[in-house]
Amino acid sequence: MPSISSRSQPGSGPVVLVGHSYGGAVTSNAAVGRENVKVLVFVAALAPEAGESIGELSGRYRAPPLGETIEPAKLRPRRAGSTRPSGKLV
């Protein structure tokens, strides 16, 4: 956060802050009270409201059903006598 704060100090010109993933929370907080921060960009990021924690934000939504949609990769059978999978997809 110190490097974000130092770059967004008044007098450093207009600033665009970009956050990705958990960096969205850092981006939000770094912009507070900085008049020269003109734009916040969230790329697949958490964007909490002022004073909202990441835990509160993530608690408002149910987890995506990844377990229902991800399937294990099917590997070719092992070679005779081998204890490792072939590592090659079918």
PDB file of N, CA and C in Angstrom:
ATOM      1  N   MET A   1       0.804  -1.190   0.000  1.00  0.00           N
ATOM      2  CA  MET A   1       0.000   0.000   0.000  1.00  0.00           C
ATOM      3  C   MET A   1       0.856   1.268   0.000  1.00  0.00           C
ATOM      4  N   PRO A   2       2.034   1.314   0.635  1.00  0.00           N
ATOM      5  CA  PRO A   2       2.817   2.549   0.613  1.00  0.00           C
ATOM      6  C   PRO A   2       3.145   3.014  -0.801  1.00  0.00           C
ATOM      7  N   SER A   3       3.445   2.100  -1.724  1.00  0.00           N
ATOM      8  CA  SER A   3       3.780   2.546  -3.075  1.00  0.00           C
ATOM      9  C   SER A   3       2.552   3.090  -3.791  1.00  0.00           C
ATOM     10  N   ILE A   4       1.380   2.524  -3.536  1.00  0.00           N
ATOM     11  CA  ILE A   4       0.158   3.062  -4.129  1.00  0.00           C
ATOM     12  C   ILE A   4      -0.107   4.448  -3.567  1.00  0.00           C
ATOM     13  N   SER A   5       0.027   4.595  -2.262  1.00  0.00           N
ATOM     14  CA  SER A   5      -0.224   5.886  -1.632  1.00  0.00           C
ATOM     15  C   SER A   5       0.738   6.949  -2.132  1.00  0.00           C
ATOM     16  N   SER A   6       2.006   6.612  -2.281  1.00  0.00           N
ATOM     17  CA  SER A   6       2.982   7.611  -2.704  1.00  0.00           C
ATOM     18  C   SER A   6       2.737   8.060  -4.140  1.00  0.00           C
ATOM     19  N   ARG A   7       2.219   7.192  -4.957  1.00  0.00           N
ATOM     20  CA  ARG A   7       1.965   7.542  -6.360  1.00  0.00           C
ATOM     21  C   ARG A   7       0.645   8.292  -6.543  1.00  0.00           C
ATOM     22  N   SER A   8      -0.207   8.236  -5.539  1.00  0.00           N
ATOM     23  CA  SER A   8      -1.501   8.896  -5.674  1.00  0.00           C
ATOM     24  C   SER A   8      -1.602  10.137  -4.784  1.00  0.00           C
ATOM     25  N   GLN A   9      -0.461  10.701  -4.402  1.00  0.00           N
ATOM     26  CA  GLN A   9      -0.441  11.921  -3.585  1.00  0.00           C
ATOM     27  C   GLN A   9      -0.909  13.113  -4.414  1.00  0.00           C
ATOM     28  N   PRO A  10      -1.527  14.100  -3.762  1.00  0.00           N
ATOM     29  CA  PRO A  10      -1.896  15.315  -4.480  1.00  0.00           C
ATOM     30  C   PRO A  10      -0.671  15.925  -5.148  1.00  0.00           C
ATOM     31  N   GLY A  11      -0.872  16.465  -6.335  1.00  0.00           N
ATOM     32  CA  GLY A  11       0.227  17.076  -7.077  1.00  0.00           C
ATOM     33  C   GLY A  11       0.905  16.120  -8.037  1.00  0.00           C
ATOM     34  N   SER A  12       0.562  14.825  -7.979  1.00  0.00           N
ATOM     35  CA  SER A  12       1.192  13.865  -8.892  1.00  0.00           C
ATOM     36  C   SER A  12       0.394  13.695 -10.175  1.00  0.00           C
ATOM     37  N   GLY A  13      -0.640  14.519 -10.383  1.00  0.00           N
ATOM     38  CA  GLY A  13      -1.447  14.427 -11.597  1.00  0.00           C
ATOM     39  C   GLY A  13      -2.592  13.458 -11.422  1.00  0.00           C
ATOM     40  N   PRO A  14      -3.453  13.362 -12.433  1.00  0.00           N
ATOM     41  CA  PRO A  14      -4.593  12.438 -12.348  1.00  0.00           C
ATOM     42  C   PRO A  14      -4.109  10.989 -12.264  1.00  0.00           C
ATOM     43  N   VAL A  15      -4.826  10.197 -11.492  1.00  0.00           N
ATOM     44  CA  VAL A  15      -4.420   8.808 -11.256  1.00  0.00           C
ATOM     45  C   VAL A  15      -5.580   7.881 -11.582  1.00  0.00           C
ATOM     46  N   VAL A  16      -5.269   6.760 -12.247  1.00  0.00           N
ATOM     47  CA  VAL A  16      -6.203   5.664 -12.481  1.00  0.00           C
ATOM     48  C   VAL A  16      -5.666   4.480 -11.683  1.00  0.00           C
ATOM     49  N   LEU A  17      -6.452   3.968 -10.742  1.00  0.00           N
ATOM     50  CA  LEU A  17      -6.041   2.803  -9.962  1.00  0.00           C
ATOM     51  C   LEU A  17      -6.756   1.570 -10.489  1.00  0.00           C
ATOM     52  N   VAL A  18      -6.008   0.491 -10.670  1.00  0.00           N
ATOM     53  CA  VAL A  18      -6.553  -0.760 -11.191  1.00  0.00           C
ATOM     54  C   VAL A  18      -6.295  -1.861 -10.179  1.00  0.00           C
ATOM     55  N   GLY A  19      -7.332  -2.618  -9.859  1.00  0.00           N
ATOM     56  CA  GLY A  19      -7.184  -3.733  -8.929  1.00  0.00           C
ATOM     57  C   GLY A  19      -7.692  -5.019  -9.542  1.00  0.00           C
ATOM     58  N   HIS A  20      -7.004  -6.116  -9.232  1.00  0.00           N
ATOM     59  CA  HIS A  20      -7.397  -7.440  -9.706  1.00  0.00           C
ATOM     60  C   HIS A  20      -7.512  -8.348  -8.487  1.00  0.00           C
ATOM     61  N   SER A  21      -8.537  -9.158  -8.451  1.00  0.00           N
ATOM     62  CA  SER A  21      -8.766 -10.117  -7.399  1.00  0.00           C
ATOM     63  C   SER A  21      -8.868  -9.398  -6.055  1.00  0.00           C
ATOM     64  N   TYR A  22      -8.101  -9.848  -5.050  1.00  0.00           N
ATOM     65  CA  TYR A  22      -8.136  -9.206  -3.738  1.00  0.00           C
ATOM     66  C   TYR A  22      -7.553  -7.797  -3.797  1.00  0.00           C
ATOM     67  N   GLY A  23      -6.809  -7.484  -4.851  1.00  0.00           N
ATOM     68  CA  GLY A  23      -6.265  -6.141  -5.018  1.00  0.00           C
ATOM     69  C   GLY A  23      -7.341  -5.085  -5.163  1.00  0.00           C
ATOM     70  N   GLY A  24      -8.562  -5.489  -5.472  1.00  0.00           N
ATOM     71  CA  GLY A  24      -9.659  -4.544  -5.556  1.00  0.00           C
ATOM     72  C   GLY A  24      -9.909  -3.843  -4.232  1.00  0.00           C
ATOM     73  N   ALA A  25      -9.772  -4.596  -3.135  1.00  0.00           N
ATOM     74  CA  ALA A  25      -9.959  -3.996  -1.812  1.00  0.00           C
ATOM     75  C   ALA A  25      -8.858  -2.980  -1.527  1.00  0.00           C
ATOM     76  N   VAL A  26      -7.638  -3.286  -1.922  1.00  0.00           N
ATOM     77  CA  VAL A  26      -6.518  -2.360  -1.736  1.00  0.00           C
ATOM     78  C   VAL A  26      -6.742  -1.115  -2.575  1.00  0.00           C
ATOM     79  N   THR A  27      -7.168  -1.303  -3.803  1.00  0.00           N
ATOM     80  CA  THR A  27      -7.428  -0.182  -4.706  1.00  0.00           C
ATOM     81  C   THR A  27      -8.487   0.742  -4.122  1.00  0.00           C
ATOM     82  N   SER A  28      -9.570   0.168  -3.615  1.00  0.00           N
ATOM     83  CA  SER A  28     -10.647   0.972  -3.026  1.00  0.00           C
ATOM     84  C   SER A  28     -10.132   1.826  -1.882  1.00  0.00           C
ATOM     85  N   ASN A  29      -9.385   1.199  -0.985  1.00  0.00           N
ATOM     86  CA  ASN A  29      -8.894   1.915   0.194  1.00  0.00           C
ATOM     87  C   ASN A  29      -7.828   2.937  -0.163  1.00  0.00           C
ATOM     88  N   ALA A  30      -7.011   2.666  -1.145  1.00  0.00           N
ATOM     89  CA  ALA A  30      -5.958   3.603  -1.536  1.00  0.00           C
ATOM     90  C   ALA A  30      -6.551   4.881  -2.131  1.00  0.00           C
ATOM     91  N   ALA A  31      -7.757   4.794  -2.651  1.00  0.00           N
ATOM     92  CA  ALA A  31      -8.385   5.959  -3.288  1.00  0.00           C
ATOM     93  C   ALA A  31      -9.063   6.894  -2.292  1.00  0.00           C
ATOM     94  N   VAL A  32      -9.328   6.411  -1.083  1.00  0.00           N
ATOM     95  CA  VAL A  32     -10.063   7.210  -0.100  1.00  0.00           C
ATOM     96  C   VAL A  32      -9.302   8.496   0.224  1.00  0.00           C
ATOM     97  N   GLY A  33      -9.979   9.616   0.063  1.00  0.00           N
ATOM     98  CA  GLY A  33      -9.398  10.908   0.404  1.00  0.00           C
ATOM     99  C   GLY A  33      -8.394  11.451  -0.600  1.00  0.00           C
ATOM    100  N   ARG A  34      -8.248  10.818  -1.735  1.00  0.00           N
ATOM    101  CA  ARG A  34      -7.294  11.260  -2.743  1.00  0.00           C
ATOM    102  C   ARG A  34      -8.065  11.886  -3.904  1.00  0.00           C
ATOM    103  N   GLU A  35      -8.078  13.192  -3.968  1.00  0.00           N
ATOM    104  CA  GLU A  35      -8.860  13.884  -4.990  1.00  0.00           C
ATOM    105  C   GLU A  35      -8.316  13.673  -6.395  1.00  0.00           C
ATOM    106  N   ASN A  36      -7.023  13.356  -6.512  1.00  0.00           N
ATOM    107  CA  ASN A  36      -6.454  13.184  -7.850  1.00  0.00           C
ATOM    108  C   ASN A  36      -6.706  11.785  -8.422  1.00  0.00           C
ATOM    109  N   VAL A  37      -7.269  10.872  -7.628  1.00  0.00           N
ATOM    110  CA  VAL A  37      -7.662   9.559  -8.155  1.00  0.00           C
ATOM    111  C   VAL A  37      -8.979   9.764  -8.895  1.00  0.00           C
ATOM    112  N   LYS A  38      -8.925   9.677 -10.196  1.00  0.00           N
ATOM    113  CA  LYS A  38     -10.072   9.982 -11.050  1.00  0.00           C
ATOM    114  C   LYS A  38     -10.890   8.756 -11.431  1.00  0.00           C
ATOM    115  N   VAL A  39     -10.231   7.591 -11.507  1.00  0.00           N
ATOM    116  CA  VAL A  39     -10.917   6.391 -11.972  1.00  0.00           C
ATOM    117  C   VAL A  39     -10.444   5.191 -11.171  1.00  0.00           C
ATOM    118  N   LEU A  40     -11.386   4.330 -10.808  1.00  0.00           N
ATOM    119  CA  LEU A  40     -11.073   3.030 -10.220  1.00  0.00           C
ATOM    120  C   LEU A  40     -11.501   1.969 -11.228  1.00  0.00           C
ATOM    121  N   VAL A  41     -10.622   1.017 -11.502  1.00  0.00           N
ATOM    122  CA  VAL A  41     -10.924  -0.074 -12.432  1.00  0.00           C
ATOM    123  C   VAL A  41     -10.784  -1.379 -11.665  1.00  0.00           C
ATOM    124  N   PHE A  42     -11.817  -2.208 -11.717  1.00  0.00           N
ATOM    125  CA  PHE A  42     -11.805  -3.502 -11.051  1.00  0.00           C
ATOM    126  C   PHE A  42     -11.865  -4.584 -12.123  1.00  0.00           C
ATOM    127  N   VAL A  43     -10.816  -5.393 -12.217  1.00  0.00           N
ATOM    128  CA  VAL A  43     -10.746  -6.468 -13.201  1.00  0.00           C
ATOM    129  C   VAL A  43     -10.853  -7.787 -12.446  1.00  0.00           C
ATOM    130  N   ALA A  44     -12.021  -8.427 -12.570  1.00  0.00           N
ATOM    131  CA  ALA A  44     -12.267  -9.666 -11.837  1.00  0.00           C
ATOM    132  C   ALA A  44     -11.814  -9.499 -10.396  1.00  0.00           C
ATOM    133  N   ALA A  45     -12.304  -8.436  -9.768  1.00  0.00           N
ATOM    134  CA  ALA A  45     -11.802  -8.052  -8.448  1.00  0.00           C
ATOM    135  C   ALA A  45     -12.937  -7.867  -7.455  1.00  0.00           C
ATOM    136  N   LEU A  46     -12.570  -7.920  -6.186  1.00  0.00           N
ATOM    137  CA  LEU A  46     -13.495  -7.568  -5.124  1.00  0.00           C
ATOM    138  C   LEU A  46     -13.592  -6.053  -5.064  1.00  0.00           C
ATOM    139  N   ALA A  47     -14.806  -5.550  -4.932  1.00  0.00           N
ATOM    140  CA  ALA A  47     -15.010  -4.101  -4.875  1.00  0.00           C
ATOM    141  C   ALA A  47     -15.890  -3.778  -3.668  1.00  0.00           C
ATOM    142  N   PRO A  48     -15.294  -3.788  -2.473  1.00  0.00           N
ATOM    143  CA  PRO A  48     -16.098  -3.542  -1.271  1.00  0.00           C
ATOM    144  C   PRO A  48     -16.573  -2.093  -1.183  1.00  0.00           C
ATOM    145  N   GLU A  49     -17.710  -1.917  -0.520  1.00  0.00           N
ATOM    146  CA  GLU A  49     -18.215  -0.576  -0.224  1.00  0.00           C
ATOM    147  C   GLU A  49     -17.322   0.033   0.856  1.00  0.00           C
ATOM    148  N   ALA A  50     -17.406   1.340   1.044  1.00  0.00           N
ATOM    149  CA  ALA A  50     -16.615   2.016   2.076  1.00  0.00           C
ATOM    150  C   ALA A  50     -16.896   1.375   3.429  1.00  0.00           C
ATOM    151  N   GLY A  51     -15.847   0.962   4.123  1.00  0.00           N
ATOM    152  CA  GLY A  51     -15.963   0.352   5.440  1.00  0.00           C
ATOM    153  C   GLY A  51     -16.317  -1.123   5.444  1.00  0.00           C
ATOM    154  N   GLU A  52     -16.545  -1.695   4.284  1.00  0.00           N
ATOM    155  CA  GLU A  52     -16.924  -3.112   4.194  1.00  0.00           C
ATOM    156  C   GLU A  52     -15.679  -3.979   4.113  1.00  0.00           C
ATOM    157  N   SER A  53     -15.658  -5.072   4.866  1.00  0.00           N
ATOM    158  CA  SER A  53     -14.510  -5.984   4.825  1.00  0.00           C
ATOM    159  C   SER A  53     -14.694  -6.997   3.698  1.00  0.00           C
ATOM    160  N   ILE A  54     -13.590  -7.652   3.341  1.00  0.00           N
ATOM    161  CA  ILE A  54     -13.659  -8.694   2.313  1.00  0.00           C
ATOM    162  C   ILE A  54     -14.546  -9.838   2.790  1.00  0.00           C
ATOM    163  N   GLY A  55     -14.466 -10.161   4.077  1.00  0.00           N
ATOM    164  CA  GLY A  55     -15.313 -11.220   4.634  1.00  0.00           C
ATOM    165  C   GLY A  55     -16.786 -10.899   4.521  1.00  0.00           C
ATOM    166  N   GLU A  56     -17.148  -9.644   4.810  1.00  0.00           N
ATOM    167  CA  GLU A  56     -18.548  -9.237   4.685  1.00  0.00           C
ATOM    168  C   GLU A  56     -19.003  -9.306   3.232  1.00  0.00           C
ATOM    169  N   LEU A  57     -18.154  -8.840   2.339  1.00  0.00           N
ATOM    170  CA  LEU A  57     -18.490  -8.847   0.920  1.00  0.00           C
ATOM    171  C   LEU A  57     -18.691 -10.264   0.409  1.00  0.00           C
ATOM    172  N   SER A  58     -17.763 -11.139   0.702  1.00  0.00           N
ATOM    173  CA  SER A  58     -17.870 -12.504   0.184  1.00  0.00           C
ATOM    174  C   SER A  58     -18.985 -13.281   0.868  1.00  0.00           C
ATOM    175  N   GLY A  59     -19.377 -12.869   2.083  1.00  0.00           N
ATOM    176  CA  GLY A  59     -20.469 -13.538   2.784  1.00  0.00           C
ATOM    177  C   GLY A  59     -21.837 -13.233   2.202  1.00  0.00           C
ATOM    178  N   ARG A  60     -21.941 -12.188   1.389  1.00  0.00           N
ATOM    179  CA  ARG A  60     -23.223 -11.827   0.786  1.00  0.00           C
ATOM    180  C   ARG A  60     -23.602 -12.720  -0.392  1.00  0.00           C
ATOM    181  N   TYR A  61     -22.644 -13.434  -0.936  1.00  0.00           N
ATOM    182  CA  TYR A  61     -22.896 -14.230  -2.139  1.00  0.00           C
ATOM    183  C   TYR A  61     -22.535 -15.683  -1.883  1.00  0.00           C
ATOM    184  N   ARG A  62     -23.288 -16.558  -2.482  1.00  0.00           N
ATOM    185  CA  ARG A  62     -22.936 -17.969  -2.339  1.00  0.00           C
ATOM    186  C   ARG A  62     -21.772 -18.292  -3.279  1.00  0.00           C
ATOM    187  N   ALA A  63     -21.012 -19.279  -2.907  1.00  0.00           N
ATOM    188  CA  ALA A  63     -19.860 -19.671  -3.724  1.00  0.00           C
ATOM    189  C   ALA A  63     -20.334 -20.223  -5.066  1.00  0.00           C
ATOM    190  N   PRO A  64     -19.578 -19.974  -6.131  1.00  0.00           N
ATOM    191  CA  PRO A  64     -19.969 -20.540  -7.426  1.00  0.00           C
ATOM    192  C   PRO A  64     -19.881 -22.058  -7.384  1.00  0.00           C
ATOM    193  N   PRO A  65     -20.704 -22.732  -8.156  1.00  0.00           N
ATOM    194  CA  PRO A  65     -20.764 -24.195  -8.110  1.00  0.00           C
ATOM    195  C   PRO A  65     -19.632 -24.866  -8.894  1.00  0.00           C
ATOM    196  N   LEU A  66     -18.402 -24.525  -8.580  1.00  0.00           N
ATOM    197  CA  LEU A  66     -17.287 -25.109  -9.332  1.00  0.00           C
ATOM    198  C   LEU A  66     -17.210 -26.617  -9.186  1.00  0.00           C
ATOM    199  N   GLY A  67     -17.479 -27.103  -7.987  1.00  0.00           N
ATOM    200  CA  GLY A  67     -17.405 -28.544  -7.762  1.00  0.00           C
ATOM    201  C   GLY A  67     -18.338 -29.329  -8.651  1.00  0.00           C
ATOM    202  N   GLU A  68     -19.436 -28.707  -9.041  1.00  0.00           N
ATOM    203  CA  GLU A  68     -20.414 -29.376  -9.899  1.00  0.00           C
ATOM    204  C   GLU A  68     -20.006 -29.348 -11.366  1.00  0.00           C
ATOM    205  N   THR A  69     -19.111 -28.424 -11.730  1.00  0.00           N
ATOM    206  CA  THR A  69     -18.803 -28.259 -13.149  1.00  0.00           C
ATOM    207  C   THR A  69     -17.417 -28.750 -13.547  1.00  0.00           C
ATOM    208  N   ILE A  70     -16.530 -28.916 -12.596  1.00  0.00           N
ATOM    209  CA  ILE A  70     -15.171 -29.362 -12.922  1.00  0.00           C
ATOM    210  C   ILE A  70     -15.128 -30.878 -12.917  1.00  0.00           C
ATOM    211  N   GLU A  71     -14.568 -31.415 -13.960  1.00  0.00           N
ATOM    212  CA  GLU A  71     -14.424 -32.865 -14.052  1.00  0.00           C
ATOM    213  C   GLU A  71     -12.939 -33.209 -14.059  1.00  0.00           C
ATOM    214  N   PRO A  72     -12.578 -34.324 -13.423  1.00  0.00           N
ATOM    215  CA  PRO A  72     -11.165 -34.710 -13.458  1.00  0.00           C
ATOM    216  C   PRO A  72     -10.731 -35.059 -14.880  1.00  0.00           C
ATOM    217  N   ALA A  73      -9.481 -34.774 -15.187  1.00  0.00           N
ATOM    218  CA  ALA A  73      -8.944 -35.120 -16.506  1.00  0.00           C
ATOM    219  C   ALA A  73      -8.821 -36.630 -16.609  1.00  0.00           C
ATOM    220  N   LYS A  74      -9.130 -37.141 -17.767  1.00  0.00           N
ATOM    221  CA  LYS A  74      -9.002 -38.576 -17.999  1.00  0.00           C
ATOM    222  C   LYS A  74      -7.618 -38.828 -18.594  1.00  0.00           C
ATOM    223  N   LEU A  75      -6.826 -39.625 -17.893  1.00  0.00           N
ATOM    224  CA  LEU A  75      -5.478 -39.934 -18.345  1.00  0.00           C
ATOM    225  C   LEU A  75      -5.442 -41.325 -18.962  1.00  0.00           C
ATOM    226  N   ARG A  76      -4.498 -41.503 -19.870  1.00  0.00           N
ATOM    227  CA  ARG A  76      -4.304 -42.843 -20.449  1.00  0.00           C
ATOM    228  C   ARG A  76      -3.878 -43.798 -19.344  1.00  0.00           C
ATOM    229  N   PRO A  77      -4.178 -45.052 -19.522  1.00  0.00           N
ATOM    230  CA  PRO A  77      -3.787 -46.039 -18.510  1.00  0.00           C
ATOM    231  C   PRO A  77      -2.264 -46.068 -18.327  1.00  0.00           C
ATOM    232  N   ARG A  78      -1.856 -46.508 -17.154  1.00  0.00           N
ATOM    233  CA  ARG A  78      -0.426 -46.636 -16.859  1.00  0.00           C
ATOM    234  C   ARG A  78       0.187 -47.724 -17.724  1.00  0.00           C
ATOM    235  N   ARG A  79       1.474 -47.565 -17.958  1.00  0.00           N
ATOM    236  CA  ARG A  79       2.205 -48.647 -18.635  1.00  0.00           C
ATOM    237  C   ARG A  79       2.345 -49.812 -17.667  1.00  0.00           C
ATOM    238  N   ALA A  80       2.443 -50.991 -18.193  1.00  0.00           N
ATOM    239  CA  ALA A  80       2.589 -52.177 -17.351  1.00  0.00           C
ATOM    240  C   ALA A  80       3.788 -52.008 -16.427  1.00  0.00           C
ATOM    241  N   GLY A  81       3.571 -52.237 -15.145  1.00  0.00           N
ATOM    242  CA  GLY A  81       4.653 -52.154 -14.156  1.00  0.00           C
ATOM    243  C   GLY A  81       4.907 -50.746 -13.644  1.00  0.00           C
ATOM    244  N   SER A  82       4.282 -49.734 -14.213  1.00  0.00           N
ATOM    245  CA  SER A  82       4.497 -48.363 -13.763  1.00  0.00           C
ATOM    246  C   SER A  82       3.561 -48.040 -12.611  1.00  0.00           C
ATOM    247  N   THR A  83       4.033 -47.222 -11.684  1.00  0.00           N
ATOM    248  CA  THR A  83       3.194 -46.811 -10.560  1.00  0.00           C
ATOM    249  C   THR A  83       2.666 -45.388 -10.763  1.00  0.00           C
ATOM    250  N   ARG A  84       3.081 -44.737 -11.839  1.00  0.00           N
ATOM    251  CA  ARG A  84       2.637 -43.366 -12.111  1.00  0.00           C
ATOM    252  C   ARG A  84       1.685 -43.346 -13.285  1.00  0.00           C
ATOM    253  N   PRO A  85       0.741 -42.381 -13.298  1.00  0.00           N
ATOM    254  CA  PRO A  85      -0.081 -42.244 -14.492  1.00  0.00           C
ATOM    255  C   PRO A  85       0.759 -41.780 -15.660  1.00  0.00           C
ATOM    256  N   SER A  86       0.274 -41.993 -16.857  1.00  0.00           N
ATOM    257  CA  SER A  86       1.060 -41.622 -18.029  1.00  0.00           C
ATOM    258  C   SER A  86       1.211 -40.105 -18.148  1.00  0.00           C
ATOM    259  N   GLY A  87       0.277 -39.341 -17.580  1.00  0.00           N
ATOM    260  CA  GLY A  87       0.344 -37.889 -17.684  1.00  0.00           C
ATOM    261  C   GLY A  87      -0.163 -37.366 -19.004  1.00  0.00           C
ATOM    262  N   LYS A  88      -0.613 -38.241 -19.868  1.00  0.00           N
ATOM    263  CA  LYS A  88      -1.114 -37.812 -21.179  1.00  0.00           C
ATOM    264  C   LYS A  88      -2.630 -37.901 -21.175  1.00  0.00           C
ATOM    265  N   LEU A  89      -3.254 -36.822 -21.615  1.00  0.00           N
ATOM    266  CA  LEU A  89      -4.707 -36.804 -21.650  1.00  0.00           C
ATOM    267  C   LEU A  89      -5.248 -37.708 -22.751  1.00  0.00           C
ATOM    268  N   VAL A  90      -6.391 -38.272 -22.484  1.00  0.00           N
ATOM    269  CA  VAL A  90      -7.047 -39.154 -23.458  1.00  0.00           C
ATOM    270  C   VAL A  90      -7.632 -38.313 -24.561  1.00  0.00           C
TER     271      VAL A  90
END
